[in-house]
Amino acid sequence: MRGRSPPSRPVQHALPAVAAEPTLAALVRLQTGAAWSRARRLCVEGRVTLNGARCLDPAMRVAAGAVVAVDEEAPKLRIGPLADERDRPCGPRPRRRRQAGGIAERGGRTR
């Protein structure tokens, strides 16, 4: 059996004081050396924290002095109908109203 590397810890960096506020994806890219698409995906999947809180918006501007932590091996944020209530970024699912026959309403029109 081949040896496995020990579990990695999240990479944390304090943002130096700069004139322009970079985006979260830009900072993730600088820290990890990943491609832009990978850096954005890490943010959307919930693997990036900003000052200890999970941040899902890769386009968010980060102020100077903020601490950004990237954990590439963290579990993905579960979203969708099967996600836990605590993982849903937007709260509970909206309820659908139904008409007779099981056809859902859409803005007053039925299909």
C-alpha atoms as a PDB file:
ATOM      1  CA  MET A   1       0.000   0.000   0.000  1.00  0.00           C
ATOM      2  CA  ARG A   2       1.383   3.337  -0.953  1.00  0.00           C
ATOM      3  CA  GLY A   3       1.817   5.935   1.735  1.00  0.00           C
ATOM      4  CA  ARG A   4      -0.703   8.709   1.853  1.00  0.00           C
ATOM      5  CA  SER A   5       0.213  12.242   2.627  1.00  0.00           C
ATOM      6  CA  PRO A   6      -1.113  13.643   5.905  1.00  0.00           C
ATOM      7  CA  PRO A   7      -4.296  15.711   5.639  1.00  0.00           C
ATOM      8  CA  SER A   8      -3.534  19.241   4.581  1.00  0.00           C
ATOM      9  CA  ARG A   9      -4.582  22.251   6.578  1.00  0.00           C
ATOM     10  CA  PRO A  10      -6.376  25.215   5.027  1.00  0.00           C
ATOM     11  CA  VAL A  11      -4.066  27.822   3.575  1.00  0.00           C
ATOM     12  CA  GLN A  12      -4.541  31.145   5.358  1.00  0.00           C
ATOM     13  CA  HIS A  13      -3.148  34.472   4.282  1.00  0.00           C
ATOM     14  CA  ALA A  14      -3.714  37.973   5.566  1.00  0.00           C
ATOM     15  CA  LEU A  15      -4.282  40.373   2.712  1.00  0.00           C
ATOM     16  CA  PRO A  16      -1.623  43.076   2.555  1.00  0.00           C
ATOM     17  CA  ALA A  17      -2.730  46.693   2.370  1.00  0.00           C
ATOM     18  CA  VAL A  18      -3.123  47.557  -1.309  1.00  0.00           C
ATOM     19  CA  ALA A  19      -4.844  50.403  -3.114  1.00  0.00           C
ATOM     20  CA  ALA A  20      -7.343  48.287  -5.084  1.00  0.00           C
ATOM     21  CA  GLU A  21      -9.548  45.664  -3.472  1.00  0.00           C
ATOM     22  CA  PRO A  22      -9.078  42.352  -5.346  1.00  0.00           C
ATOM     23  CA  THR A  23     -11.855  39.827  -5.830  1.00  0.00           C
ATOM     24  CA  LEU A  24     -12.044  36.689  -3.720  1.00  0.00           C
ATOM     25  CA  ALA A  25     -11.322  34.506  -6.778  1.00  0.00           C
ATOM     26  CA  ALA A  26      -8.188  36.548  -7.531  1.00  0.00           C
ATOM     27  CA  LEU A  27      -6.885  35.973  -4.002  1.00  0.00           C
ATOM     28  CA  VAL A  28      -7.652  32.255  -4.173  1.00  0.00           C
ATOM     29  CA  ARG A  29      -5.780  32.108  -7.465  1.00  0.00           C
ATOM     30  CA  LEU A  30      -2.777  33.880  -5.959  1.00  0.00           C
ATOM     31  CA  GLN A  31      -2.705  31.573  -2.916  1.00  0.00           C
ATOM     32  CA  THR A  32      -3.178  28.257  -4.686  1.00  0.00           C
ATOM     33  CA  GLY A  33      -1.755  28.911  -8.153  1.00  0.00           C
ATOM     34  CA  ALA A  34      -4.960  27.448  -9.619  1.00  0.00           C
ATOM     35  CA  ALA A  35      -6.594  28.464 -12.885  1.00  0.00           C
ATOM     36  CA  TRP A  36      -9.355  31.088 -12.824  1.00  0.00           C
ATOM     37  CA  SER A  37     -12.088  28.496 -13.347  1.00  0.00           C
ATOM     38  CA  ARG A  38     -10.762  26.370 -10.461  1.00  0.00           C
ATOM     39  CA  ALA A  39     -10.464  29.419  -8.180  1.00  0.00           C
ATOM     40  CA  ARG A  40     -14.078  30.433  -8.883  1.00  0.00           C
ATOM     41  CA  ARG A  41     -15.273  26.849  -8.407  1.00  0.00           C
ATOM     42  CA  LEU A  42     -13.528  26.608  -5.011  1.00  0.00           C
ATOM     43  CA  CYS A  43     -15.492  29.692  -3.918  1.00  0.00           C
ATOM     44  CA  VAL A  44     -18.848  28.465  -5.227  1.00  0.00           C
ATOM     45  CA  GLU A  45     -18.369  25.011  -3.688  1.00  0.00           C
ATOM     46  CA  GLY A  46     -17.911  26.597  -0.245  1.00  0.00           C
ATOM     47  CA  ARG A  47     -14.239  25.710   0.217  1.00  0.00           C
ATOM     48  CA  VAL A  48     -13.125  29.297   0.881  1.00  0.00           C
ATOM     49  CA  THR A  49     -13.640  31.242   4.098  1.00  0.00           C
ATOM     50  CA  LEU A  50     -13.270  34.971   4.560  1.00  0.00           C
ATOM     51  CA  ASN A  51     -12.527  36.050   8.141  1.00  0.00           C
ATOM     52  CA  GLY A  52     -13.764  32.654   9.343  1.00  0.00           C
ATOM     53  CA  ALA A  53     -17.103  32.714   7.475  1.00  0.00           C
ATOM     54  CA  ARG A  54     -17.856  30.691   4.351  1.00  0.00           C
ATOM     55  CA  CYS A  55     -18.031  32.938   1.293  1.00  0.00           C
ATOM     56  CA  LEU A  56     -19.748  31.727  -1.895  1.00  0.00           C
ATOM     57  CA  ASP A  57     -19.349  34.786  -4.138  1.00  0.00           C
ATOM     58  CA  PRO A  58     -16.105  34.678  -6.158  1.00  0.00           C
ATOM     59  CA  ALA A  59     -16.660  38.241  -7.414  1.00  0.00           C
ATOM     60  CA  MET A  60     -16.835  39.746  -3.917  1.00  0.00           C
ATOM     61  CA  ARG A  61     -14.258  42.441  -3.225  1.00  0.00           C
ATOM     62  CA  VAL A  62     -12.009  41.748  -0.256  1.00  0.00           C
ATOM     63  CA  ALA A  63     -10.892  44.589   1.999  1.00  0.00           C
ATOM     64  CA  ALA A  64      -7.297  45.010   3.136  1.00  0.00           C
ATOM     65  CA  GLY A  65      -6.430  43.039   6.262  1.00  0.00           C
ATOM     66  CA  ALA A  66      -9.024  40.307   5.642  1.00  0.00           C
ATOM     67  CA  VAL A  67      -8.012  36.687   6.259  1.00  0.00           C
ATOM     68  CA  VAL A  68      -8.768  34.311   3.397  1.00  0.00           C
ATOM     69  CA  ALA A  69      -8.508  30.554   4.017  1.00  0.00           C
ATOM     70  CA  VAL A  70      -8.671  27.971   1.221  1.00  0.00           C
ATOM     71  CA  ASP A  71      -9.263  24.299   1.999  1.00  0.00           C
ATOM     72  CA  GLU A  72      -9.246  22.427  -1.306  1.00  0.00           C
ATOM     73  CA  GLU A  73     -10.113  19.128   0.381  1.00  0.00           C
ATOM     74  CA  ALA A  74     -13.083  20.405   2.391  1.00  0.00           C
ATOM     75  CA  PRO A  75     -16.479  18.876   1.595  1.00  0.00           C
ATOM     76  CA  LYS A  76     -18.559  20.644  -1.029  1.00  0.00           C
ATOM     77  CA  LEU A  77     -21.430  22.842   0.038  1.00  0.00           C
ATOM     78  CA  ARG A  78     -24.595  20.885  -0.649  1.00  0.00           C
ATOM     79  CA  ILE A  79     -27.268  22.916  -2.396  1.00  0.00           C
ATOM     80  CA  GLY A  80     -30.459  21.831  -4.067  1.00  0.00           C
ATOM     81  CA  PRO A  81     -33.563  19.952  -2.971  1.00  0.00           C
ATOM     82  CA  LEU A  82     -31.626  17.276  -1.053  1.00  0.00           C
ATOM     83  CA  ALA A  83     -29.364  19.646   0.880  1.00  0.00           C
ATOM     84  CA  ASP A  84     -29.546  20.011   4.629  1.00  0.00           C
ATOM     85  CA  GLU A  85     -31.277  23.105   5.955  1.00  0.00           C
ATOM     86  CA  ARG A  86     -28.028  24.408   7.456  1.00  0.00           C
ATOM     87  CA  ASP A  87     -26.229  24.274   4.092  1.00  0.00           C
ATOM     88  CA  ARG A  88     -28.797  26.190   2.085  1.00  0.00           C
ATOM     89  CA  PRO A  89     -27.507  29.683   1.406  1.00  0.00           C
ATOM     90  CA  CYS A  90     -30.972  31.058   0.592  1.00  0.00           C
ATOM     91  CA  GLY A  91     -33.114  29.451   3.292  1.00  0.00           C
ATOM     92  CA  PRO A  92     -35.977  27.001   2.876  1.00  0.00           C
ATOM     93  CA  ARG A  93     -37.435  26.111  -0.510  1.00  0.00           C
ATOM     94  CA  PRO A  94     -40.418  28.176  -1.671  1.00  0.00           C
ATOM     95  CA  ARG A  95     -43.704  26.296  -1.744  1.00  0.00           C
ATOM     96  CA  ARG A  96     -45.361  25.657  -5.076  1.00  0.00           C
ATOM     97  CA  ARG A  97     -49.053  26.262  -5.512  1.00  0.00           C
ATOM     98  CA  ARG A  98     -50.924  23.664  -7.485  1.00  0.00           C
ATOM     99  CA  GLN A  99     -54.068  23.794  -9.552  1.00  0.00           C
ATOM    100  CA  ALA A 100     -56.575  21.039 -10.037  1.00  0.00           C
ATOM    101  CA  GLY A 101     -55.052  18.278 -12.123  1.00  0.00           C
ATOM    102  CA  GLY A 102     -51.550  18.820 -10.748  1.00  0.00           C
ATOM    103  CA  ILE A 103     -50.493  21.589 -13.169  1.00  0.00           C
ATOM    104  CA  ALA A 104     -48.366  24.280 -11.498  1.00  0.00           C
ATOM    105  CA  GLU A 105     -49.218  27.973 -11.865  1.00  0.00           C
ATOM    106  CA  ARG A 106     -46.827  30.328 -13.637  1.00  0.00           C
ATOM    107  CA  GLY A 107     -47.688  33.991 -13.514  1.00  0.00           C
ATOM    108  CA  GLY A 108     -51.406  33.440 -14.085  1.00  0.00           C
ATOM    109  CA  ARG A 109     -50.855  31.280 -17.165  1.00  0.00           C
ATOM    110  CA  THR A 110     -51.188  27.529 -17.374  1.00  0.00           C
ATOM    111  CA  ARG A 111     -49.536  25.287 -19.891  1.00  0.00           C
END
